[in-house]
Amino acid sequence: MTGKDFEFLITPGDLEIKREDFDNLMTPDSLTWTKVSKNNRTYYQVGKDEFSYSTEKSGIQMSFNYTITFEKARQIVEEVSTKLSQYTGKEIDVLVVSIDINA
């Protein structure tokens, strides 16, 4: 399974993250990352892979490039969810959302 097959939804939807804390909270500590802006969106690049966020009513959606492995993406989101839990004091749930690009 690769990034074309899934996204993550980080819940709950009422997480409050200060703008100045966002980059450090929403990126992994174990992997080197770079913040990149393109097409009026912010992406975080980790090696040859990248991910981005969008805020939804139900939570924060995390999307990946099509070739990232599920294992690498899971490592990133697990680190992010741990940091969010410590930051907010809330229990963080991560849902895997399957994507059917043929639908």
Foldseek 3Di string as FASTA:
>chain_A
DFLQWKKKFKDAQPQDDDPVCVVVLQWAPVFDWDWDDDPNAIWIDTPPKIWGWDRDNRGIIIGIPGGHDPVVVVNTVVRNQVSSCVVRVDRMDMDIDTDDPVD
